[in-house]
Structure formats: structure tokens, C-alpha cells
């Protein structure tokens, strides 16, 4: 039995699914693999996410220790998001998902190379 984030789980896969239960969180992490980013840069990088949704997902990922949020005391305020050490551990998995998605698109769809 696993007790994580005030919930009980019988299987570690369900722990993972509980954390990454939507399409946005993995995309946020993917973009933070490159480097630390400000909110506006993340919003620009992630297709079709609203500011409200991005705010909610960032708070959730922070509460689950996947990302860091650093606030700089300046005017205007500067907030930078980065991956925690455990968040960085997702890199090989996300790269494999990226490669698989590319392969799938090549075999069963179209790729628009802009």
C-alpha cells in the first residue's frame, strides 16, 4: 500500500496516474525540461491552454513537488518555474513518449513541417 498526497494506492501506476491525470501537466513538464521559464513563456509555448488552467496546473504540480516556483522581489514581480529533482526524473519517459507520438503520427497521420 502506498500513501501519497493524503491518498492510499495499491499500485504505483495509480500514483502516477493520479498526479498526471490530464493533458496539460505533462506538457508543462516537457517545456520545463528545456530550462526554467516564466509564466508568460509557458503560456506562449503550450498550445491552447488558458491562463486560468495554466495557473491551476502549476499550483497542483508545485503542491506535488514536481515543480519549483521562485518569486523574485522586484517591481514588477518576477516568478520563475523550474523542475524539482523528482520532476527532472521524468525526462527519459517524456522523451520516449515524444518519440512514440512522432512515430504514431508518421504511420497514421500527417505531419505539417512548418
PDB file of N, CA and C in Angstrom:
ATOM      1  N   UNK A   1       0.854  -1.187   0.000  1.00  0.00           N
ATOM      2  CA  UNK A   1       0.000   0.000   0.000  1.00  0.00           C
ATOM      3  C   UNK A   1       0.889   1.236   0.000  1.00  0.00           C
ATOM      4  N   UNK A   2       0.502   2.208  -0.775  1.00  0.00           N
ATOM      5  CA  UNK A   2       1.232   3.466  -0.858  1.00  0.00           C
ATOM      6  C   UNK A   2       0.324   4.581  -0.346  1.00  0.00           C
ATOM      7  N   UNK A   3       0.858   5.426   0.502  1.00  0.00           N
ATOM      8  CA  UNK A   3       0.114   6.589   0.983  1.00  0.00           C
ATOM      9  C   UNK A   3       0.856   7.825   0.488  1.00  0.00           C
ATOM     10  N   UNK A   4       0.259   8.506  -0.489  1.00  0.00           N
ATOM     11  CA  UNK A   4       0.896   9.650  -1.135  1.00  0.00           C
ATOM     12  C   UNK A   4      -0.133  10.763  -1.304  1.00  0.00           C
ATOM     13  N   UNK A   5       0.271  11.995  -0.991  1.00  0.00           N
ATOM     14  CA  UNK A   5      -0.604  13.160  -1.158  1.00  0.00           C
ATOM     15  C   UNK A   5      -1.977  12.940  -0.499  1.00  0.00           C
ATOM     16  N   UNK A   6      -1.947  12.382   0.699  1.00  0.00           N
ATOM     17  CA  UNK A   6      -3.152  12.140   1.504  1.00  0.00           C
ATOM     18  C   UNK A   6      -4.129  11.155   0.867  1.00  0.00           C
ATOM     19  N   UNK A   7      -3.627  10.253   0.017  1.00  0.00           N
ATOM     20  CA  UNK A   7      -4.457   9.217  -0.600  1.00  0.00           C
ATOM     21  C   UNK A   7      -3.751   7.883  -0.478  1.00  0.00           C
ATOM     22  N   UNK A   8      -4.540   6.820  -0.485  1.00  0.00           N
ATOM     23  CA  UNK A   8      -3.989   5.470  -0.450  1.00  0.00           C
ATOM     24  C   UNK A   8      -4.091   4.840  -1.840  1.00  0.00           C
ATOM     25  N   UNK A   9      -3.023   4.148  -2.223  1.00  0.00           N
ATOM     26  CA  UNK A   9      -2.965   3.492  -3.526  1.00  0.00           C
ATOM     27  C   UNK A   9      -2.435   2.078  -3.350  1.00  0.00           C
ATOM     28  N   UNK A  10      -2.958   1.144  -4.135  1.00  0.00           N
ATOM     29  CA  UNK A  10      -2.477  -0.229  -4.104  1.00  0.00           C
ATOM     30  C   UNK A  10      -1.345  -0.450  -5.099  1.00  0.00           C
ATOM     31  N   UNK A  11      -1.240   0.409  -6.095  1.00  0.00           N
ATOM     32  CA  UNK A  11      -0.285   0.203  -7.181  1.00  0.00           C
ATOM     33  C   UNK A  11       0.417   1.520  -7.514  1.00  0.00           C
ATOM     34  N   UNK A  12       1.736   1.500  -7.752  1.00  0.00           N
ATOM     35  CA  UNK A  12       2.433   2.737  -8.078  1.00  0.00           C
ATOM     36  C   UNK A  12       1.978   3.369  -9.401  1.00  0.00           C
ATOM     37  N   UNK A  13       1.424   2.574 -10.302  1.00  0.00           N
ATOM     38  CA  UNK A  13       0.890   3.147 -11.547  1.00  0.00           C
ATOM     39  C   UNK A  13      -0.253   4.101 -11.234  1.00  0.00           C
ATOM     40  N   UNK A  14      -1.083   3.762 -10.263  1.00  0.00           N
ATOM     41  CA  UNK A  14      -2.187   4.656  -9.911  1.00  0.00           C
ATOM     42  C   UNK A  14      -1.695   5.926  -9.240  1.00  0.00           C
ATOM     43  N   UNK A  15      -0.558   5.854  -8.563  1.00  0.00           N
ATOM     44  CA  UNK A  15       0.058   7.078  -8.016  1.00  0.00           C
ATOM     45  C   UNK A  15       0.407   8.006  -9.179  1.00  0.00           C
ATOM     46  N   UNK A  16       1.063   7.450 -10.189  1.00  0.00           N
ATOM     47  CA  UNK A  16       1.460   8.232 -11.365  1.00  0.00           C
ATOM     48  C   UNK A  16       0.244   8.811 -12.074  1.00  0.00           C
ATOM     49  N   UNK A  17      -0.768   7.984 -12.283  1.00  0.00           N
ATOM     50  CA  UNK A  17      -1.974   8.455 -12.967  1.00  0.00           C
ATOM     51  C   UNK A  17      -2.698   9.532 -12.165  1.00  0.00           C
ATOM     52  N   UNK A  18      -2.643   9.452 -10.849  1.00  0.00           N
ATOM     53  CA  UNK A  18      -3.276  10.464 -10.019  1.00  0.00           C
ATOM     54  C   UNK A  18      -2.585  11.823 -10.170  1.00  0.00           C
ATOM     55  N   UNK A  19      -1.278  11.802 -10.312  1.00  0.00           N
ATOM     56  CA  UNK A  19      -0.536  13.057 -10.471  1.00  0.00           C
ATOM     57  C   UNK A  19      -0.718  13.636 -11.868  1.00  0.00           C
ATOM     58  N   UNK A  20      -0.630  12.786 -12.876  1.00  0.00           N
ATOM     59  CA  UNK A  20      -0.693  13.254 -14.268  1.00  0.00           C
ATOM     60  C   UNK A  20      -2.026  12.857 -14.888  1.00  0.00           C
ATOM     61  N   UNK A  21      -3.088  13.394 -14.330  1.00  0.00           N
ATOM     62  CA  UNK A  21      -4.427  12.986 -14.710  1.00  0.00           C
ATOM     63  C   UNK A  21      -5.063  13.839 -15.804  1.00  0.00           C
ATOM     64  N   UNK A  22      -4.276  14.611 -16.508  1.00  0.00           N
ATOM     65  CA  UNK A  22      -4.826  15.406 -17.608  1.00  0.00           C
ATOM     66  C   UNK A  22      -3.744  15.696 -18.642  1.00  0.00           C
ATOM     67  N   UNK A  23      -4.132  16.318 -19.715  1.00  0.00           N
ATOM     68  CA  UNK A  23      -3.208  16.543 -20.823  1.00  0.00           C
ATOM     69  C   UNK A  23      -2.227  17.677 -20.590  1.00  0.00           C
ATOM     70  N   UNK A  24      -2.497  18.571 -19.680  1.00  0.00           N
ATOM     71  CA  UNK A  24      -1.676  19.770 -19.536  1.00  0.00           C
ATOM     72  C   UNK A  24      -0.415  19.566 -18.717  1.00  0.00           C
ATOM     73  N   UNK A  25      -0.472  18.771 -17.685  1.00  0.00           N
ATOM     74  CA  UNK A  25       0.659  18.652 -16.760  1.00  0.00           C
ATOM     75  C   UNK A  25       1.914  18.117 -17.442  1.00  0.00           C
ATOM     76  N   UNK A  26       1.769  17.094 -18.264  1.00  0.00           N
ATOM     77  CA  UNK A  26       2.939  16.553 -18.952  1.00  0.00           C
ATOM     78  C   UNK A  26       3.499  17.555 -19.958  1.00  0.00           C
ATOM     79  N   UNK A  27       2.638  18.337 -20.566  1.00  0.00           N
ATOM     80  CA  UNK A  27       3.098  19.375 -21.493  1.00  0.00           C
ATOM     81  C   UNK A  27       3.883  20.461 -20.753  1.00  0.00           C
ATOM     82  N   UNK A  28       3.406  20.851 -19.601  1.00  0.00           N
ATOM     83  CA  UNK A  28       4.125  21.842 -18.789  1.00  0.00           C
ATOM     84  C   UNK A  28       5.514  21.307 -18.437  1.00  0.00           C
ATOM     85  N   UNK A  29       5.560  20.072 -17.981  1.00  0.00           N
ATOM     86  CA  UNK A  29       6.845  19.476 -17.614  1.00  0.00           C
ATOM     87  C   UNK A  29       7.763  19.377 -18.828  1.00  0.00           C
ATOM     88  N   UNK A  30       7.217  18.978 -19.967  1.00  0.00           N
ATOM     89  CA  UNK A  30       8.003  18.874 -21.204  1.00  0.00           C
ATOM     90  C   UNK A  30       8.698  20.204 -21.510  1.00  0.00           C
ATOM     91  N   UNK A  31       7.967  21.295 -21.391  1.00  0.00           N
ATOM     92  CA  UNK A  31       8.533  22.610 -21.708  1.00  0.00           C
ATOM     93  C   UNK A  31       9.514  23.090 -20.643  1.00  0.00           C
ATOM     94  N   UNK A  32       9.364  22.618 -19.425  1.00  0.00           N
ATOM     95  CA  UNK A  32      10.316  22.995 -18.376  1.00  0.00           C
ATOM     96  C   UNK A  32      11.595  22.156 -18.425  1.00  0.00           C
ATOM     97  N   UNK A  33      11.595  21.075 -19.202  1.00  0.00           N
ATOM     98  CA  UNK A  33      12.823  20.292 -19.366  1.00  0.00           C
ATOM     99  C   UNK A  33      13.913  21.118 -20.044  1.00  0.00           C
ATOM    100  N   UNK A  34      13.501  22.019 -20.930  1.00  0.00           N
ATOM    101  CA  UNK A  34      14.462  22.865 -21.651  1.00  0.00           C
ATOM    102  C   UNK A  34      15.221  23.768 -20.695  1.00  0.00           C
ATOM    103  N   UNK A  35      14.472  24.474 -19.860  1.00  0.00           N
ATOM    104  CA  UNK A  35      15.042  25.386 -18.865  1.00  0.00           C
ATOM    105  C   UNK A  35      13.914  25.979 -18.021  1.00  0.00           C
ATOM    106  N   UNK A  36      14.284  26.754 -17.023  1.00  0.00           N
ATOM    107  CA  UNK A  36      13.305  27.450 -16.194  1.00  0.00           C
ATOM    108  C   UNK A  36      12.580  28.474 -17.055  1.00  0.00           C
ATOM    109  N   UNK A  37      11.310  28.711 -16.730  1.00  0.00           N
ATOM    110  CA  UNK A  37      10.528  29.652 -17.535  1.00  0.00           C
ATOM    111  C   UNK A  37       9.598  30.481 -16.668  1.00  0.00           C
ATOM    112  N   UNK A  38       9.293  31.632 -17.199  1.00  0.00           N
ATOM    113  CA  UNK A  38       8.284  32.485 -16.579  1.00  0.00           C
ATOM    114  C   UNK A  38       6.907  32.065 -17.077  1.00  0.00           C
ATOM    115  N   UNK A  39       5.877  32.499 -16.362  1.00  0.00           N
ATOM    116  CA  UNK A  39       4.503  32.135 -16.690  1.00  0.00           C
ATOM    117  C   UNK A  39       4.166  32.468 -18.141  1.00  0.00           C
ATOM    118  N   UNK A  40       4.486  33.681 -18.555  1.00  0.00           N
ATOM    119  CA  UNK A  40       4.110  34.112 -19.916  1.00  0.00           C
ATOM    120  C   UNK A  40       4.793  33.271 -20.985  1.00  0.00           C
ATOM    121  N   UNK A  41       6.008  32.816 -20.710  1.00  0.00           N
ATOM    122  CA  UNK A  41       6.712  31.972 -21.670  1.00  0.00           C
ATOM    123  C   UNK A  41       6.079  30.583 -21.757  1.00  0.00           C
ATOM    124  N   UNK A  42       5.700  30.035 -20.615  1.00  0.00           N
ATOM    125  CA  UNK A  42       4.998  28.746 -20.617  1.00  0.00           C
ATOM    126  C   UNK A  42       3.666  28.865 -21.354  1.00  0.00           C
ATOM    127  N   UNK A  43       2.947  29.942 -21.083  1.00  0.00           N
ATOM    128  CA  UNK A  43       1.649  30.139 -21.722  1.00  0.00           C
ATOM    129  C   UNK A  43       1.802  30.229 -23.237  1.00  0.00           C
ATOM    130  N   UNK A  44       2.844  30.877 -23.680  1.00  0.00           N
ATOM    131  CA  UNK A  44       3.102  31.012 -25.114  1.00  0.00           C
ATOM    132  C   UNK A  44       3.503  29.667 -25.731  1.00  0.00           C
ATOM    133  N   UNK A  45       4.242  28.869 -25.006  1.00  0.00           N
ATOM    134  CA  UNK A  45       4.759  27.595 -25.525  1.00  0.00           C
ATOM    135  C   UNK A  45       3.699  26.494 -25.618  1.00  0.00           C
ATOM    136  N   UNK A  46       2.711  26.518 -24.745  1.00  0.00           N
ATOM    137  CA  UNK A  46       1.742  25.420 -24.669  1.00  0.00           C
ATOM    138  C   UNK A  46       0.489  25.783 -25.461  1.00  0.00           C
ATOM    139  N   UNK A  47       0.223  25.004 -26.494  1.00  0.00           N
ATOM    140  CA  UNK A  47      -0.918  25.258 -27.381  1.00  0.00           C
ATOM    141  C   UNK A  47      -2.248  25.168 -26.647  1.00  0.00           C
ATOM    142  N   UNK A  48      -3.078  26.171 -26.846  1.00  0.00           N
ATOM    143  CA  UNK A  48      -4.490  26.168 -26.435  1.00  0.00           C
ATOM    144  C   UNK A  48      -4.757  26.102 -24.935  1.00  0.00           C
ATOM    145  N   UNK A  49      -3.794  26.384 -24.091  1.00  0.00           N
ATOM    146  CA  UNK A  49      -4.062  26.387 -22.653  1.00  0.00           C
ATOM    147  C   UNK A  49      -4.453  27.804 -22.236  1.00  0.00           C
ATOM    148  N   UNK A  50      -5.475  27.906 -21.405  1.00  0.00           N
ATOM    149  CA  UNK A  50      -5.869  29.225 -20.917  1.00  0.00           C
ATOM    150  C   UNK A  50      -4.972  29.614 -19.743  1.00  0.00           C
ATOM    151  N   UNK A  51      -4.929  30.896 -19.452  1.00  0.00           N
ATOM    152  CA  UNK A  51      -4.124  31.364 -18.318  1.00  0.00           C
ATOM    153  C   UNK A  51      -4.639  30.761 -17.014  1.00  0.00           C
ATOM    154  N   UNK A  52      -5.950  30.668 -16.883  1.00  0.00           N
ATOM    155  CA  UNK A  52      -6.539  30.108 -15.664  1.00  0.00           C
ATOM    156  C   UNK A  52      -6.127  28.642 -15.502  1.00  0.00           C
ATOM    157  N   UNK A  53      -6.231  27.870 -16.567  1.00  0.00           N
ATOM    158  CA  UNK A  53      -5.859  26.458 -16.499  1.00  0.00           C
ATOM    159  C   UNK A  53      -4.386  26.306 -16.177  1.00  0.00           C
ATOM    160  N   UNK A  54      -3.539  27.107 -16.817  1.00  0.00           N
ATOM    161  CA  UNK A  54      -2.106  27.036 -16.552  1.00  0.00           C
ATOM    162  C   UNK A  54      -1.823  27.342 -15.080  1.00  0.00           C
ATOM    163  N   UNK A  55      -2.472  28.344 -14.546  1.00  0.00           N
ATOM    164  CA  UNK A  55      -2.298  28.700 -13.134  1.00  0.00           C
ATOM    165  C   UNK A  55      -2.671  27.537 -12.222  1.00  0.00           C
ATOM    166  N   UNK A  56      -3.810  26.916 -12.480  1.00  0.00           N
ATOM    167  CA  UNK A  56      -4.283  25.793 -11.667  1.00  0.00           C
ATOM    168  C   UNK A  56      -3.307  24.624 -11.755  1.00  0.00           C
ATOM    169  N   UNK A  57      -2.858  24.293 -12.961  1.00  0.00           N
ATOM    170  CA  UNK A  57      -1.957  23.144 -13.141  1.00  0.00           C
ATOM    171  C   UNK A  57      -0.594  23.401 -12.509  1.00  0.00           C
ATOM    172  N   UNK A  58      -0.084  24.626 -12.604  1.00  0.00           N
ATOM    173  CA  UNK A  58       1.193  24.955 -11.965  1.00  0.00           C
ATOM    174  C   UNK A  58       1.091  24.817 -10.445  1.00  0.00           C
ATOM    175  N   UNK A  59      -0.003  25.291  -9.880  1.00  0.00           N
ATOM    176  CA  UNK A  59      -0.199  25.159  -8.427  1.00  0.00           C
ATOM    177  C   UNK A  59      -0.257  23.697  -8.017  1.00  0.00           C
ATOM    178  N   UNK A  60      -0.944  22.892  -8.812  1.00  0.00           N
ATOM    179  CA  UNK A  60      -1.058  21.467  -8.486  1.00  0.00           C
ATOM    180  C   UNK A  60       0.293  20.770  -8.590  1.00  0.00           C
ATOM    181  N   UNK A  61       1.042  21.050  -9.650  1.00  0.00           N
ATOM    182  CA  UNK A  61       2.369  20.438  -9.801  1.00  0.00           C
ATOM    183  C   UNK A  61       3.317  20.888  -8.695  1.00  0.00           C
ATOM    184  N   UNK A  62       3.181  22.123  -8.259  1.00  0.00           N
ATOM    185  CA  UNK A  62       4.012  22.604  -7.147  1.00  0.00           C
ATOM    186  C   UNK A  62       3.635  21.894  -5.855  1.00  0.00           C
ATOM    187  N   UNK A  63       2.346  21.738  -5.618  1.00  0.00           N
ATOM    188  CA  UNK A  63       1.900  21.081  -4.382  1.00  0.00           C
ATOM    189  C   UNK A  63       2.335  19.614  -4.332  1.00  0.00           C
ATOM    190  N   UNK A  64       2.578  19.020  -5.490  1.00  0.00           N
ATOM    191  CA  UNK A  64       3.007  17.625  -5.557  1.00  0.00           C
ATOM    192  C   UNK A  64       4.522  17.491  -5.739  1.00  0.00           C
ATOM    193  N   UNK A  65       5.230  18.613  -5.550  1.00  0.00           N
ATOM    194  CA  UNK A  65       6.701  18.637  -5.575  1.00  0.00           C
ATOM    195  C   UNK A  65       7.311  18.259  -6.918  1.00  0.00           C
ATOM    196  N   UNK A  66       6.606  18.538  -8.001  1.00  0.00           N
ATOM    197  CA  UNK A  66       7.118  18.266  -9.341  1.00  0.00           C
ATOM    198  C   UNK A  66       7.838  19.496  -9.885  1.00  0.00           C
ATOM    199  N   UNK A  67       7.341  20.676  -9.539  1.00  0.00           N
ATOM    200  CA  UNK A  67       7.973  21.920  -9.989  1.00  0.00           C
ATOM    201  C   UNK A  67       8.271  22.830  -8.806  1.00  0.00           C
ATOM    202  N   UNK A  68       9.208  23.740  -9.035  1.00  0.00           N
ATOM    203  CA  UNK A  68       9.531  24.812  -8.091  1.00  0.00           C
ATOM    204  C   UNK A  68       8.940  26.109  -8.614  1.00  0.00           C
ATOM    205  N   UNK A  69       8.602  26.989  -7.700  1.00  0.00           N
ATOM    206  CA  UNK A  69       8.134  28.328  -8.048  1.00  0.00           C
ATOM    207  C   UNK A  69       8.987  29.308  -7.258  1.00  0.00           C
ATOM    208  N   UNK A  70       9.782  30.108  -7.966  1.00  0.00           N
ATOM    209  CA  UNK A  70      10.648  31.071  -7.292  1.00  0.00           C
ATOM    210  C   UNK A  70      10.165  32.484  -7.612  1.00  0.00           C
ATOM    211  N   UNK A  71       9.915  33.252  -6.552  1.00  0.00           N
ATOM    212  CA  UNK A  71       9.459  34.628  -6.703  1.00  0.00           C
ATOM    213  C   UNK A  71      10.628  35.554  -6.391  1.00  0.00           C
ATOM    214  N   UNK A  72      10.905  36.455  -7.313  1.00  0.00           N
ATOM    215  CA  UNK A  72      11.971  37.437  -7.127  1.00  0.00           C
ATOM    216  C   UNK A  72      11.351  38.743  -6.650  1.00  0.00           C
ATOM    217  N   UNK A  73      11.934  39.327  -5.617  1.00  0.00           N
ATOM    218  CA  UNK A  73      11.425  40.579  -5.048  1.00  0.00           C
ATOM    219  C   UNK A  73      11.878  41.743  -5.905  1.00  0.00           C
ATOM    220  N   UNK A  74      11.073  42.074  -6.864  1.00  0.00           N
ATOM    221  CA  UNK A  74      11.360  43.215  -7.742  1.00  0.00           C
ATOM    222  C   UNK A  74      10.046  43.760  -8.265  1.00  0.00           C
ATOM    223  N   UNK A  75      10.104  44.901  -8.892  1.00  0.00           N
ATOM    224  CA  UNK A  75       8.911  45.512  -9.474  1.00  0.00           C
ATOM    225  C   UNK A  75       9.146  45.629 -10.969  1.00  0.00           C
ATOM    226  N   UNK A  76       8.258  45.038 -11.792  1.00  0.00           N
ATOM    227  CA  UNK A  76       7.148  44.163 -11.418  1.00  0.00           C
ATOM    228  C   UNK A  76       7.680  42.826 -10.912  1.00  0.00           C
ATOM    229  N   UNK A  77       6.840  42.087 -10.168  1.00  0.00           N
ATOM    230  CA  UNK A  77       7.293  40.811  -9.614  1.00  0.00           C
ATOM    231  C   UNK A  77       7.693  39.835 -10.726  1.00  0.00           C
ATOM    232  N   UNK A  78       8.699  39.064 -10.447  1.00  0.00           N
ATOM    233  CA  UNK A  78       9.166  38.056 -11.397  1.00  0.00           C
ATOM    234  C   UNK A  78       9.011  36.685 -10.746  1.00  0.00           C
ATOM    235  N   UNK A  79       8.332  35.778 -11.442  1.00  0.00           N
ATOM    236  CA  UNK A  79       8.126  34.420 -10.956  1.00  0.00           C
ATOM    237  C   UNK A  79       8.676  33.467 -12.008  1.00  0.00           C
ATOM    238  N   UNK A  80       9.511  32.531 -11.560  1.00  0.00           N
ATOM    239  CA  UNK A  80      10.131  31.574 -12.478  1.00  0.00           C
ATOM    240  C   UNK A  80       9.800  30.165 -12.000  1.00  0.00           C
ATOM    241  N   UNK A  81       9.428  29.324 -12.964  1.00  0.00           N
ATOM    242  CA  UNK A  81       9.098  27.928 -12.688  1.00  0.00           C
ATOM    243  C   UNK A  81      10.212  27.029 -13.212  1.00  0.00           C
ATOM    244  N   UNK A  82      10.521  25.991 -12.444  1.00  0.00           N
ATOM    245  CA  UNK A  82      11.539  25.021 -12.845  1.00  0.00           C
ATOM    246  C   UNK A  82      11.144  23.661 -12.298  1.00  0.00           C
ATOM    247  N   UNK A  83      11.817  22.628 -12.773  1.00  0.00           N
ATOM    248  CA  UNK A  83      11.540  21.280 -12.300  1.00  0.00           C
ATOM    249  C   UNK A  83      12.325  20.984 -11.025  1.00  0.00           C
ATOM    250  N   UNK A  84      11.716  20.243 -10.129  1.00  0.00           N
ATOM    251  CA  UNK A  84      12.427  19.729  -8.956  1.00  0.00           C
ATOM    252  C   UNK A  84      13.261  18.535  -9.425  1.00  0.00           C
ATOM    253  N   UNK A  85      14.057  17.990  -8.535  1.00  0.00           N
ATOM    254  CA  UNK A  85      14.848  16.812  -8.898  1.00  0.00           C
ATOM    255  C   UNK A  85      13.958  15.648  -9.318  1.00  0.00           C
ATOM    256  N   UNK A  86      12.857  15.446  -8.611  1.00  0.00           N
ATOM    257  CA  UNK A  86      11.959  14.343  -8.980  1.00  0.00           C
ATOM    258  C   UNK A  86      11.252  14.654 -10.294  1.00  0.00           C
ATOM    259  N   UNK A  87      10.993  15.913 -10.569  1.00  0.00           N
ATOM    260  CA  UNK A  87      10.404  16.300 -11.853  1.00  0.00           C
ATOM    261  C   UNK A  87      11.354  16.030 -13.014  1.00  0.00           C
ATOM    262  N   UNK A  88      12.640  16.267 -12.788  1.00  0.00           N
ATOM    263  CA  UNK A  88      13.648  16.011 -13.825  1.00  0.00           C
ATOM    264  C   UNK A  88      13.759  14.528 -14.157  1.00  0.00           C
ATOM    265  N   UNK A  89      13.375  13.672 -13.218  1.00  0.00           N
ATOM    266  CA  UNK A  89      13.416  12.224 -13.457  1.00  0.00           C
ATOM    267  C   UNK A  89      12.442  11.791 -14.551  1.00  0.00           C
ATOM    268  N   UNK A  90      11.504  12.651 -14.910  1.00  0.00           N
ATOM    269  CA  UNK A  90      10.530  12.328 -15.953  1.00  0.00           C
ATOM    270  C   UNK A  90      11.092  12.485 -17.369  1.00  0.00           C
ATOM    271  N   UNK A  91      12.275  13.078 -17.499  1.00  0.00           N
ATOM    272  CA  UNK A  91      12.817  13.367 -18.825  1.00  0.00           C
ATOM    273  C   UNK A  91      12.896  12.140 -19.742  1.00  0.00           C
ATOM    274  N   UNK A  92      13.489  11.018 -19.317  1.00  0.00           N
ATOM    275  CA  UNK A  92      13.555   9.876 -20.242  1.00  0.00           C
ATOM    276  C   UNK A  92      12.175   9.363 -20.659  1.00  0.00           C
ATOM    277  N   UNK A  93      11.243   9.362 -19.722  1.00  0.00           N
ATOM    278  CA  UNK A  93       9.887   8.916 -20.026  1.00  0.00           C
ATOM    279  C   UNK A  93       9.225   9.842 -21.047  1.00  0.00           C
ATOM    280  N   UNK A  94       9.338  11.147 -20.841  1.00  0.00           N
ATOM    281  CA  UNK A  94       8.721  12.094 -21.759  1.00  0.00           C
ATOM    282  C   UNK A  94       9.385  12.061 -23.135  1.00  0.00           C
ATOM    283  N   UNK A  95      10.674  11.850 -23.180  1.00  0.00           N
ATOM    284  CA  UNK A  95      11.348  11.737 -24.478  1.00  0.00           C
ATOM    285  C   UNK A  95      10.855  10.500 -25.227  1.00  0.00           C
ATOM    286  N   UNK A  96      10.659   9.392 -24.515  1.00  0.00           N
ATOM    287  CA  UNK A  96      10.111   8.190 -25.150  1.00  0.00           C
ATOM    288  C   UNK A  96       8.679   8.442 -25.636  1.00  0.00           C
ATOM    289  N   UNK A  97       7.884   9.155 -24.845  1.00  0.00           N
ATOM    290  CA  UNK A  97       6.523   9.486 -25.268  1.00  0.00           C
ATOM    291  C   UNK A  97       6.553  10.387 -26.502  1.00  0.00           C
ATOM    292  N   UNK A  98       7.484  11.331 -26.536  1.00  0.00           N
ATOM    293  CA  UNK A  98       7.650  12.215 -27.691  1.00  0.00           C
ATOM    294  C   UNK A  98       7.986  11.404 -28.935  1.00  0.00           C
ATOM    295  N   UNK A  99       8.942  10.506 -28.806  1.00  0.00           N
ATOM    296  CA  UNK A  99       9.356   9.679 -29.942  1.00  0.00           C
ATOM    297  C   UNK A  99       8.213   8.782 -30.414  1.00  0.00           C
ATOM    298  N   UNK A 100       7.480   8.204 -29.459  1.00  0.00           N
ATOM    299  CA  UNK A 100       6.356   7.349 -29.819  1.00  0.00           C
ATOM    300  C   UNK A 100       5.268   8.154 -30.531  1.00  0.00           C
ATOM    301  N   UNK A 101       4.985   9.354 -30.033  1.00  0.00           N
ATOM    302  CA  UNK A 101       3.979  10.210 -30.666  1.00  0.00           C
ATOM    303  C   UNK A 101       4.372  10.589 -32.081  1.00  0.00           C
ATOM    304  N   UNK A 102       5.660  10.857 -32.289  1.00  0.00           N
ATOM    305  CA  UNK A 102       6.152  11.175 -33.629  1.00  0.00           C
ATOM    306  C   UNK A 102       5.988   9.967 -34.553  1.00  0.00           C
ATOM    307  N   UNK A 103       6.383   8.795 -34.080  1.00  0.00           N
ATOM    308  CA  UNK A 103       6.253   7.569 -34.868  1.00  0.00           C
ATOM    309  C   UNK A 103       4.793   7.302 -35.222  1.00  0.00           C
ATOM    310  N   UNK A 104       3.917   7.463 -34.259  1.00  0.00           N
ATOM    311  CA  UNK A 104       2.492   7.240 -34.488  1.00  0.00           C
ATOM    312  C   UNK A 104       1.957   8.214 -35.541  1.00  0.00           C
ATOM    313  N   UNK A 105       2.348   9.482 -35.429  1.00  0.00           N
ATOM    314  CA  UNK A 105       1.890  10.493 -36.391  1.00  0.00           C
ATOM    315  C   UNK A 105       2.395  10.180 -37.798  1.00  0.00           C
ATOM    316  N   UNK A 106       3.618   9.696 -37.900  1.00  0.00           N
ATOM    317  CA  UNK A 106       4.168   9.343 -39.209  1.00  0.00           C
ATOM    318  C   UNK A 106       3.396   8.164 -39.812  1.00  0.00           C
ATOM    319  N   UNK A 107       3.098   7.166 -39.003  1.00  0.00           N
ATOM    320  CA  UNK A 107       2.425   5.959 -39.507  1.00  0.00           C
ATOM    321  C   UNK A 107       0.940   6.172 -39.789  1.00  0.00           C
ATOM    322  N   UNK A 108       0.258   6.961 -38.955  1.00  0.00           N
ATOM    323  CA  UNK A 108      -1.189   7.020 -39.032  1.00  0.00           C
ATOM    324  C   UNK A 108      -1.769   8.416 -39.248  1.00  0.00           C
ATOM    325  N   UNK A 109      -0.937   9.402 -39.485  1.00  0.00           N
ATOM    326  CA  UNK A 109      -1.441  10.757 -39.656  1.00  0.00           C
ATOM    327  C   UNK A 109      -0.594  11.531 -40.639  1.00  0.00           C
ATOM    328  N   UNK A 110      -0.637  12.799 -40.502  1.00  0.00           N
ATOM    329  CA  UNK A 110       0.148  13.708 -41.338  1.00  0.00           C
ATOM    330  C   UNK A 110       0.958  14.626 -40.450  1.00  0.00           C
ATOM    331  N   UNK A 111       2.121  14.979 -40.897  1.00  0.00           N
ATOM    332  CA  UNK A 111       2.959  15.917 -40.169  1.00  0.00           C
ATOM    333  C   UNK A 111       3.126  17.154 -41.015  1.00  0.00           C
ATOM    334  N   UNK A 112       2.736  18.291 -40.461  1.00  0.00           N
ATOM    335  CA  UNK A 112       2.889  19.567 -41.149  1.00  0.00           C
ATOM    336  C   UNK A 112       4.191  20.179 -40.694  1.00  0.00           C
ATOM    337  N   UNK A 113       5.196  20.134 -41.534  1.00  0.00           N
ATOM    338  CA  UNK A 113       6.509  20.688 -41.164  1.00  0.00           C
ATOM    339  C   UNK A 113       6.539  22.160 -41.536  1.00  0.00           C
ATOM    340  N   UNK A 114       6.279  22.995 -40.552  1.00  0.00           N
ATOM    341  CA  UNK A 114       6.212  24.449 -40.770  1.00  0.00           C
ATOM    342  C   UNK A 114       7.586  25.045 -40.831  1.00  0.00           C
TER     343      UNK A 114
END
